[in-house]
Amino acid sequence: MRVAVITISDRASSGVYEDLCGPEIERLIREHYPHCELKRDIVADEKSEIESVLKKYWGVDYIITTGGTGISPRDVTPEVTKEFCDRSLPGIAETLRRESYKETPFAVFSRGYAGIKGNTIVVNFPGSLKAVRLCTGILAPVMEHGIKMIRGEHH
């Protein structure tokens, strides 16, 4: 399995603080898939940078983003992801939001999107450590099944 983890954050991309979410997603995925090929990147909350990094990793099995899913004026990750993808996967985004709400009522403000570009599944996670732990815990167990389905293999 090939996975790209992209942190979308003005402050982390400029070095104001250390990205903890991207490495945590990577660590948790490795727990499930020790031989997974992982790539990681950090970009600012800029439409052009997000578009560019999505295109850069298009072709891997999964692109998982963290950050930019809230309602602040610079949170554009869901819009850029939706524009990038050919088809939506609403079940993933709905499940992540529903399960996140069980942990915090603020999850109602999460606008994460999930979709497909070619044979790449793209999923937006919120940008907090607690959220990426929860969301990775939900997504990781079904990732292999998703790859088989998108390739048209029997499941």
N, C-alpha and C. Protein backbone atom coordinates (compact mmCIF):
# COMPACT_ATOMS: atom_id res chain seq x y z
N MET A 1 0.83 -1.17 0.00
CA MET A 1 0.00 0.00 0.00
C MET A 1 0.88 1.24 0.00
N ARG A 2 0.48 2.22 -0.79
CA ARG A 2 1.22 3.48 -0.87
C ARG A 2 0.32 4.61 -0.37
N VAL A 3 0.82 5.35 0.62
CA VAL A 3 0.04 6.39 1.26
C VAL A 3 0.85 7.67 1.37
N ALA A 4 0.20 8.79 1.00
CA ALA A 4 0.80 10.11 1.19
C ALA A 4 0.02 10.81 2.29
N VAL A 5 0.73 11.36 3.26
CA VAL A 5 0.13 12.10 4.37
C VAL A 5 0.54 13.56 4.20
N ILE A 6 -0.46 14.43 4.09
CA ILE A 6 -0.19 15.85 3.83
C ILE A 6 -0.76 16.69 4.96
N THR A 7 0.11 17.43 5.63
CA THR A 7 -0.33 18.38 6.65
C THR A 7 -0.55 19.72 5.97
N ILE A 8 -1.73 20.28 6.20
CA ILE A 8 -2.08 21.58 5.61
C ILE A 8 -2.21 22.57 6.76
N SER A 9 -1.19 23.42 6.88
CA SER A 9 -1.12 24.35 8.01
C SER A 9 -0.16 25.48 7.69
N ASP A 10 -0.65 26.71 7.82
CA ASP A 10 0.22 27.87 7.63
C ASP A 10 1.38 27.84 8.62
N ARG A 11 1.06 27.61 9.89
CA ARG A 11 2.09 27.67 10.94
C ARG A 11 3.10 26.53 10.86
N ALA A 12 2.63 25.31 10.61
CA ALA A 12 3.58 24.18 10.51
C ALA A 12 4.45 24.31 9.26
N SER A 13 3.86 24.77 8.16
CA SER A 13 4.63 24.90 6.92
C SER A 13 5.69 26.00 7.00
N SER A 14 5.45 26.99 7.86
CA SER A 14 6.43 28.08 8.01
C SER A 14 7.39 27.85 9.17
N GLY A 15 7.24 26.74 9.88
CA GLY A 15 8.15 26.41 10.97
C GLY A 15 7.80 27.04 12.30
N VAL A 16 6.62 27.66 12.41
CA VAL A 16 6.21 28.28 13.68
C VAL A 16 6.03 27.21 14.75
N TYR A 17 5.49 26.06 14.36
CA TYR A 17 5.43 24.94 15.29
C TYR A 17 5.65 23.64 14.54
N GLU A 18 5.99 22.62 15.30
CA GLU A 18 6.28 21.31 14.72
C GLU A 18 4.99 20.60 14.35
N ASP A 19 4.98 19.98 13.19
CA ASP A 19 3.85 19.17 12.76
C ASP A 19 3.83 17.89 13.57
N LEU A 20 2.80 17.69 14.36
CA LEU A 20 2.65 16.46 15.13
C LEU A 20 1.63 15.52 14.49
N CYS A 21 0.69 16.10 13.74
CA CYS A 21 -0.40 15.30 13.17
C CYS A 21 0.07 14.36 12.05
N GLY A 22 0.85 14.87 11.12
CA GLY A 22 1.34 14.04 10.03
C GLY A 22 2.13 12.84 10.53
N PRO A 23 3.11 13.05 11.41
CA PRO A 23 3.86 11.90 11.93
C PRO A 23 2.99 10.92 12.72
N GLU A 24 1.97 11.42 13.39
CA GLU A 24 1.08 10.53 14.15
C GLU A 24 0.25 9.65 13.22
N ILE A 25 -0.27 10.23 12.15
CA ILE A 25 -1.00 9.44 11.17
C ILE A 25 -0.09 8.35 10.60
N GLU A 26 1.12 8.75 10.26
CA GLU A 26 2.11 7.82 9.71
C GLU A 26 2.37 6.67 10.69
N ARG A 27 2.57 7.00 11.95
CA ARG A 27 2.85 5.98 12.98
C ARG A 27 1.68 5.00 13.10
N LEU A 28 0.48 5.52 13.13
CA LEU A 28 -0.70 4.66 13.30
C LEU A 28 -0.96 3.78 12.08
N ILE A 29 -0.71 4.31 10.90
CA ILE A 29 -0.88 3.50 9.69
C ILE A 29 0.16 2.37 9.69
N ARG A 30 1.37 2.70 10.10
CA ARG A 30 2.42 1.68 10.16
C ARG A 30 2.08 0.56 11.15
N GLU A 31 1.35 0.88 12.20
CA GLU A 31 0.92 -0.16 13.15
C GLU A 31 0.03 -1.18 12.44
N HIS A 32 -0.82 -0.72 11.54
CA HIS A 32 -1.72 -1.61 10.79
C HIS A 32 -1.02 -2.25 9.60
N TYR A 33 -0.16 -1.48 8.94
CA TYR A 33 0.47 -1.93 7.69
C TYR A 33 1.97 -1.65 7.77
N PRO A 34 2.73 -2.52 8.42
CA PRO A 34 4.16 -2.28 8.64
C PRO A 34 4.97 -2.07 7.36
N HIS A 35 4.52 -2.65 6.25
CA HIS A 35 5.29 -2.55 5.01
C HIS A 35 4.75 -1.48 4.07
N CYS A 36 3.88 -0.65 4.59
CA CYS A 36 3.28 0.42 3.80
C CYS A 36 4.36 1.43 3.38
N GLU A 37 4.27 1.89 2.14
CA GLU A 37 5.17 2.94 1.65
C GLU A 37 4.51 4.28 1.97
N LEU A 38 5.15 5.05 2.83
CA LEU A 38 4.58 6.33 3.27
C LEU A 38 5.41 7.50 2.80
N LYS A 39 4.72 8.53 2.35
CA LYS A 39 5.35 9.81 1.99
C LYS A 39 4.66 10.87 2.82
N ARG A 40 5.37 11.93 3.14
CA ARG A 40 4.76 12.99 3.93
C ARG A 40 5.18 14.35 3.40
N ASP A 41 4.25 15.30 3.50
CA ASP A 41 4.50 16.66 3.02
C ASP A 41 3.76 17.64 3.91
N ILE A 42 4.19 18.89 3.87
CA ILE A 42 3.52 19.97 4.61
C ILE A 42 3.37 21.15 3.66
N VAL A 43 2.16 21.70 3.59
CA VAL A 43 1.92 22.89 2.77
C VAL A 43 1.08 23.89 3.57
N ALA A 44 1.09 25.12 3.12
CA ALA A 44 0.29 26.17 3.74
C ALA A 44 -1.17 26.05 3.30
N ASP A 45 -2.03 26.76 3.99
CA ASP A 45 -3.47 26.80 3.66
C ASP A 45 -3.69 27.70 2.44
N GLU A 46 -3.10 27.33 1.34
CA GLU A 46 -3.22 28.07 0.09
C GLU A 46 -3.75 27.13 -0.98
N LYS A 47 -4.78 27.55 -1.68
CA LYS A 47 -5.40 26.70 -2.69
C LYS A 47 -4.37 26.14 -3.66
N SER A 48 -3.49 26.99 -4.18
CA SER A 48 -2.52 26.54 -5.18
C SER A 48 -1.55 25.51 -4.62
N GLU A 49 -1.13 25.67 -3.36
CA GLU A 49 -0.21 24.71 -2.74
C GLU A 49 -0.89 23.37 -2.50
N ILE A 50 -2.14 23.42 -2.06
CA ILE A 50 -2.89 22.18 -1.82
C ILE A 50 -3.11 21.45 -3.15
N GLU A 51 -3.52 22.17 -4.16
CA GLU A 51 -3.72 21.56 -5.49
C GLU A 51 -2.43 20.90 -5.98
N SER A 52 -1.34 21.61 -5.83
CA SER A 52 -0.04 21.12 -6.29
C SER A 52 0.37 19.83 -5.58
N VAL A 53 0.19 19.78 -4.27
CA VAL A 53 0.62 18.59 -3.52
C VAL A 53 -0.33 17.42 -3.78
N LEU A 54 -1.61 17.68 -4.01
CA LEU A 54 -2.53 16.59 -4.38
C LEU A 54 -2.12 15.99 -5.72
N LYS A 55 -1.78 16.85 -6.68
CA LYS A 55 -1.33 16.37 -7.99
C LYS A 55 -0.02 15.60 -7.88
N LYS A 56 0.87 16.07 -7.00
CA LYS A 56 2.17 15.44 -6.80
C LYS A 56 2.01 13.98 -6.38
N TYR A 57 1.04 13.70 -5.51
CA TYR A 57 0.88 12.36 -4.97
C TYR A 57 -0.22 11.54 -5.64
N TRP A 58 -0.89 12.11 -6.62
CA TRP A 58 -1.92 11.38 -7.33
C TRP A 58 -1.31 10.13 -7.92
N GLY A 59 -1.93 8.99 -7.70
CA GLY A 59 -1.40 7.71 -8.15
C GLY A 59 -1.06 6.78 -7.00
N VAL A 60 -0.87 7.34 -5.78
CA VAL A 60 -0.71 6.47 -4.62
C VAL A 60 -2.09 5.89 -4.30
N ASP A 61 -2.15 4.95 -3.39
CA ASP A 61 -3.44 4.36 -3.03
C ASP A 61 -4.30 5.33 -2.22
N TYR A 62 -3.68 6.01 -1.27
CA TYR A 62 -4.41 6.96 -0.42
C TYR A 62 -3.62 8.25 -0.27
N ILE A 63 -4.34 9.35 -0.29
CA ILE A 63 -3.81 10.63 0.15
C ILE A 63 -4.65 11.01 1.36
N ILE A 64 -4.00 11.18 2.49
CA ILE A 64 -4.69 11.60 3.71
C ILE A 64 -4.17 12.98 4.07
N THR A 65 -5.09 13.92 4.17
CA THR A 65 -4.70 15.27 4.57
C THR A 65 -5.12 15.51 6.01
N THR A 66 -4.41 16.38 6.69
CA THR A 66 -4.79 16.80 8.03
C THR A 66 -4.68 18.32 8.09
N GLY A 67 -5.78 18.95 8.51
CA GLY A 67 -5.81 20.40 8.63
C GLY A 67 -6.64 21.08 7.56
N GLY A 68 -7.08 22.27 7.89
CA GLY A 68 -7.82 23.09 6.92
C GLY A 68 -9.25 22.67 6.68
N THR A 69 -9.84 21.93 7.62
CA THR A 69 -11.21 21.44 7.42
C THR A 69 -12.25 22.20 8.23
N GLY A 70 -11.82 23.20 8.96
CA GLY A 70 -12.74 23.95 9.82
C GLY A 70 -13.46 25.06 9.07
N ILE A 71 -13.84 26.09 9.81
CA ILE A 71 -14.63 27.17 9.21
C ILE A 71 -13.91 28.51 9.22
N SER A 72 -12.62 28.51 9.51
CA SER A 72 -11.89 29.79 9.44
C SER A 72 -11.76 30.20 7.97
N PRO A 73 -11.55 31.50 7.73
CA PRO A 73 -11.48 31.97 6.34
C PRO A 73 -10.41 31.28 5.49
N ARG A 74 -9.32 30.77 6.10
CA ARG A 74 -8.25 30.13 5.33
C ARG A 74 -8.44 28.63 5.17
N ASP A 75 -9.47 28.05 5.77
CA ASP A 75 -9.73 26.61 5.67
C ASP A 75 -10.40 26.30 4.34
N VAL A 76 -9.59 25.87 3.38
CA VAL A 76 -10.09 25.59 2.03
C VAL A 76 -9.83 24.14 1.58
N THR A 77 -9.31 23.33 2.48
CA THR A 77 -8.96 21.96 2.12
C THR A 77 -10.13 21.18 1.50
N PRO A 78 -11.33 21.20 2.09
CA PRO A 78 -12.42 20.42 1.50
C PRO A 78 -12.79 20.87 0.08
N GLU A 79 -12.81 22.17 -0.14
CA GLU A 79 -13.15 22.69 -1.47
C GLU A 79 -12.12 22.27 -2.51
N VAL A 80 -10.85 22.38 -2.16
CA VAL A 80 -9.78 22.01 -3.10
C VAL A 80 -9.82 20.50 -3.36
N THR A 81 -10.04 19.73 -2.32
CA THR A 81 -10.10 18.27 -2.48
C THR A 81 -11.28 17.87 -3.36
N LYS A 82 -12.42 18.47 -3.11
CA LYS A 82 -13.62 18.15 -3.91
C LYS A 82 -13.39 18.48 -5.38
N GLU A 83 -12.77 19.60 -5.63
CA GLU A 83 -12.46 20.03 -7.00
C GLU A 83 -11.48 19.06 -7.67
N PHE A 84 -10.53 18.54 -6.89
CA PHE A 84 -9.51 17.62 -7.39
C PHE A 84 -10.10 16.25 -7.73
N CYS A 85 -11.04 15.78 -6.93
CA CYS A 85 -11.57 14.42 -7.07
C CYS A 85 -12.60 14.32 -8.20
N ASP A 86 -12.72 13.09 -8.74
CA ASP A 86 -13.70 12.79 -9.77
C ASP A 86 -15.03 12.33 -9.16
N ARG A 87 -14.95 11.63 -8.04
CA ARG A 87 -16.14 11.08 -7.39
C ARG A 87 -16.02 11.27 -5.88
N SER A 88 -17.17 11.34 -5.21
CA SER A 88 -17.14 11.51 -3.76
C SER A 88 -17.30 10.17 -3.05
N LEU A 89 -16.84 10.11 -1.81
CA LEU A 89 -17.01 8.97 -0.92
C LEU A 89 -17.64 9.50 0.38
N PRO A 90 -18.90 9.87 0.33
CA PRO A 90 -19.51 10.53 1.50
C PRO A 90 -19.52 9.67 2.75
N GLY A 91 -19.56 8.34 2.61
CA GLY A 91 -19.60 7.47 3.79
C GLY A 91 -18.41 7.66 4.70
N ILE A 92 -17.24 7.89 4.11
CA ILE A 92 -16.04 8.08 4.93
C ILE A 92 -16.15 9.38 5.71
N ALA A 93 -16.43 10.48 5.03
CA ALA A 93 -16.51 11.78 5.70
C ALA A 93 -17.62 11.79 6.76
N GLU A 94 -18.76 11.21 6.42
CA GLU A 94 -19.88 11.16 7.37
C GLU A 94 -19.50 10.36 8.61
N THR A 95 -18.84 9.22 8.43
CA THR A 95 -18.44 8.39 9.55
C THR A 95 -17.43 9.10 10.44
N LEU A 96 -16.44 9.74 9.83
CA LEU A 96 -15.43 10.45 10.61
C LEU A 96 -16.07 11.57 11.42
N ARG A 97 -16.99 12.31 10.83
CA ARG A 97 -17.67 13.40 11.54
C ARG A 97 -18.53 12.84 12.68
N ARG A 98 -19.30 11.79 12.38
CA ARG A 98 -20.19 11.21 13.38
C ARG A 98 -19.40 10.69 14.59
N GLU A 99 -18.32 9.96 14.32
CA GLU A 99 -17.53 9.42 15.42
C GLU A 99 -16.78 10.51 16.17
N SER A 100 -16.35 11.54 15.46
CA SER A 100 -15.67 12.68 16.10
C SER A 100 -16.62 13.42 17.02
N TYR A 101 -17.87 13.51 16.61
CA TYR A 101 -18.88 14.21 17.42
C TYR A 101 -19.06 13.51 18.78
N LYS A 102 -18.87 12.22 18.82
CA LYS A 102 -18.99 11.48 20.08
C LYS A 102 -17.90 11.91 21.07
N GLU A 103 -16.79 12.45 20.54
CA GLU A 103 -15.68 12.92 21.37
C GLU A 103 -15.79 14.40 21.70
N THR A 104 -16.30 15.19 20.75
CA THR A 104 -16.42 16.63 20.98
C THR A 104 -17.56 17.20 20.14
N PRO A 105 -18.40 18.04 20.74
CA PRO A 105 -19.49 18.65 19.97
C PRO A 105 -18.98 19.61 18.88
N PHE A 106 -17.72 20.03 18.99
CA PHE A 106 -17.15 20.94 17.99
C PHE A 106 -16.97 20.27 16.63
N ALA A 107 -17.11 18.96 16.58
CA ALA A 107 -17.00 18.24 15.32
C ALA A 107 -18.06 18.69 14.31
N VAL A 108 -19.12 19.33 14.79
CA VAL A 108 -20.14 19.82 13.85
C VAL A 108 -19.58 20.86 12.90
N PHE A 109 -18.44 21.44 13.26
CA PHE A 109 -17.82 22.46 12.41
C PHE A 109 -16.79 21.87 11.44
N SER A 110 -16.60 20.57 11.48
CA SER A 110 -15.64 19.92 10.58
C SER A 110 -16.29 19.74 9.20
N ARG A 111 -15.55 20.09 8.17
CA ARG A 111 -16.08 20.03 6.81
C ARG A 111 -15.28 19.07 5.93
N GLY A 112 -14.59 18.12 6.54
CA GLY A 112 -13.76 17.19 5.79
C GLY A 112 -14.50 16.50 4.67
N TYR A 113 -13.78 16.21 3.61
CA TYR A 113 -14.33 15.59 2.40
C TYR A 113 -13.53 14.32 2.12
N ALA A 114 -14.16 13.37 1.45
CA ALA A 114 -13.47 12.17 0.98
C ALA A 114 -13.92 11.89 -0.44
N GLY A 115 -12.97 11.54 -1.29
CA GLY A 115 -13.32 11.28 -2.69
C GLY A 115 -12.27 10.43 -3.38
N ILE A 116 -12.48 10.27 -4.68
CA ILE A 116 -11.62 9.42 -5.50
C ILE A 116 -11.14 10.22 -6.70
N LYS A 117 -9.86 10.09 -7.00
CA LYS A 117 -9.26 10.64 -8.22
C LYS A 117 -8.55 9.48 -8.88
N GLY A 118 -9.10 9.00 -10.00
CA GLY A 118 -8.52 7.81 -10.63
C GLY A 118 -8.67 6.63 -9.67
N ASN A 119 -7.54 6.03 -9.29
CA ASN A 119 -7.55 4.95 -8.31
C ASN A 119 -6.98 5.38 -6.97
N THR A 120 -6.96 6.69 -6.73
CA THR A 120 -6.47 7.23 -5.47
C THR A 120 -7.64 7.68 -4.61
N ILE A 121 -7.66 7.23 -3.37
CA ILE A 121 -8.68 7.65 -2.41
C ILE A 121 -8.09 8.80 -1.59
N VAL A 122 -8.83 9.90 -1.52
CA VAL A 122 -8.37 11.10 -0.81
C VAL A 122 -9.31 11.35 0.37
N VAL A 123 -8.73 11.52 1.55
CA VAL A 123 -9.52 11.71 2.76
C VAL A 123 -8.97 12.88 3.55
N ASN A 124 -9.86 13.81 3.94
CA ASN A 124 -9.47 14.95 4.78
C ASN A 124 -9.73 14.63 6.24
N PHE A 125 -8.70 14.78 7.08
CA PHE A 125 -8.84 14.69 8.53
C PHE A 125 -8.74 16.10 9.11
N PRO A 126 -9.34 16.34 10.26
CA PRO A 126 -9.11 17.62 10.96
C PRO A 126 -7.64 17.74 11.35
N GLY A 127 -7.27 18.90 11.85
CA GLY A 127 -5.87 19.17 12.15
C GLY A 127 -5.50 19.14 13.61
N SER A 128 -6.13 18.29 14.41
CA SER A 128 -5.71 18.15 15.80
C SER A 128 -5.22 16.73 16.05
N LEU A 129 -4.34 16.60 17.01
CA LEU A 129 -3.76 15.30 17.34
C LEU A 129 -4.85 14.32 17.77
N LYS A 130 -5.76 14.76 18.61
CA LYS A 130 -6.85 13.90 19.07
C LYS A 130 -7.69 13.42 17.88
N ALA A 131 -7.98 14.33 16.95
CA ALA A 131 -8.80 13.99 15.79
C ALA A 131 -8.09 13.02 14.85
N VAL A 132 -6.79 13.22 14.62
CA VAL A 132 -6.10 12.31 13.70
C VAL A 132 -5.97 10.91 14.29
N ARG A 133 -5.86 10.83 15.60
CA ARG A 133 -5.82 9.51 16.24
C ARG A 133 -7.15 8.78 16.04
N LEU A 134 -8.23 9.49 16.28
CA LEU A 134 -9.55 8.90 16.11
C LEU A 134 -9.80 8.53 14.64
N CYS A 135 -9.56 9.47 13.74
CA CYS A 135 -9.84 9.24 12.32
C CYS A 135 -8.98 8.15 11.71
N THR A 136 -7.71 8.11 12.07
CA THR A 136 -6.84 7.06 11.56
C THR A 136 -7.30 5.71 12.09
N GLY A 137 -7.73 5.68 13.34
CA GLY A 137 -8.24 4.45 13.93
C GLY A 137 -9.48 3.92 13.21
N ILE A 138 -10.26 4.81 12.65
CA ILE A 138 -11.46 4.42 11.91
C ILE A 138 -11.10 3.99 10.49
N LEU A 139 -10.24 4.76 9.83
CA LEU A 139 -9.92 4.51 8.42
C LEU A 139 -8.97 3.32 8.22
N ALA A 140 -7.94 3.23 9.04
CA ALA A 140 -6.90 2.22 8.81
C ALA A 140 -7.42 0.80 8.64
N PRO A 141 -8.35 0.33 9.46
CA PRO A 141 -8.80 -1.06 9.31
C PRO A 141 -9.51 -1.37 7.99
N VAL A 142 -9.99 -0.36 7.29
CA VAL A 142 -10.72 -0.62 6.04
C VAL A 142 -9.94 -0.22 4.79
N MET A 143 -8.72 0.25 4.95
CA MET A 143 -7.95 0.76 3.81
C MET A 143 -7.67 -0.31 2.76
N GLU A 144 -7.25 -1.49 3.18
CA GLU A 144 -6.97 -2.54 2.19
C GLU A 144 -8.22 -2.91 1.40
N HIS A 145 -9.34 -2.99 2.08
CA HIS A 145 -10.59 -3.32 1.40
C HIS A 145 -10.93 -2.24 0.36
N GLY A 146 -10.72 -0.99 0.70
CA GLY A 146 -10.96 0.10 -0.24
C GLY A 146 -10.11 -0.02 -1.49
N ILE A 147 -8.85 -0.39 -1.32
CA ILE A 147 -7.95 -0.57 -2.46
C ILE A 147 -8.45 -1.69 -3.36
N LYS A 148 -8.85 -2.80 -2.76
CA LYS A 148 -9.36 -3.92 -3.56
C LYS A 148 -10.60 -3.51 -4.33
N MET A 149 -11.48 -2.78 -3.69
CA MET A 149 -12.72 -2.37 -4.36
C MET A 149 -12.44 -1.44 -5.54
N ILE A 150 -11.56 -0.46 -5.33
CA ILE A 150 -11.29 0.52 -6.38
C ILE A 150 -10.59 -0.11 -7.56
N ARG A 151 -9.87 -1.20 -7.32
CA ARG A 151 -9.18 -1.93 -8.39
C ARG A 151 -10.10 -2.95 -9.07
N GLY A 152 -11.31 -3.10 -8.54
CA GLY A 152 -12.25 -4.05 -9.11
C GLY A 152 -11.97 -5.48 -8.73
N GLU A 153 -11.19 -5.68 -7.68
CA GLU A 153 -10.89 -7.03 -7.21
C GLU A 153 -12.05 -7.53 -6.36
N HIS A 154 -12.14 -8.82 -6.22
CA HIS A 154 -13.19 -9.39 -5.38
C HIS A 154 -12.93 -9.04 -3.93
N HIS A 155 -13.99 -8.84 -3.20
CA HIS A 155 -13.86 -8.53 -1.78
C HIS A 155 -14.75 -9.37 -0.92
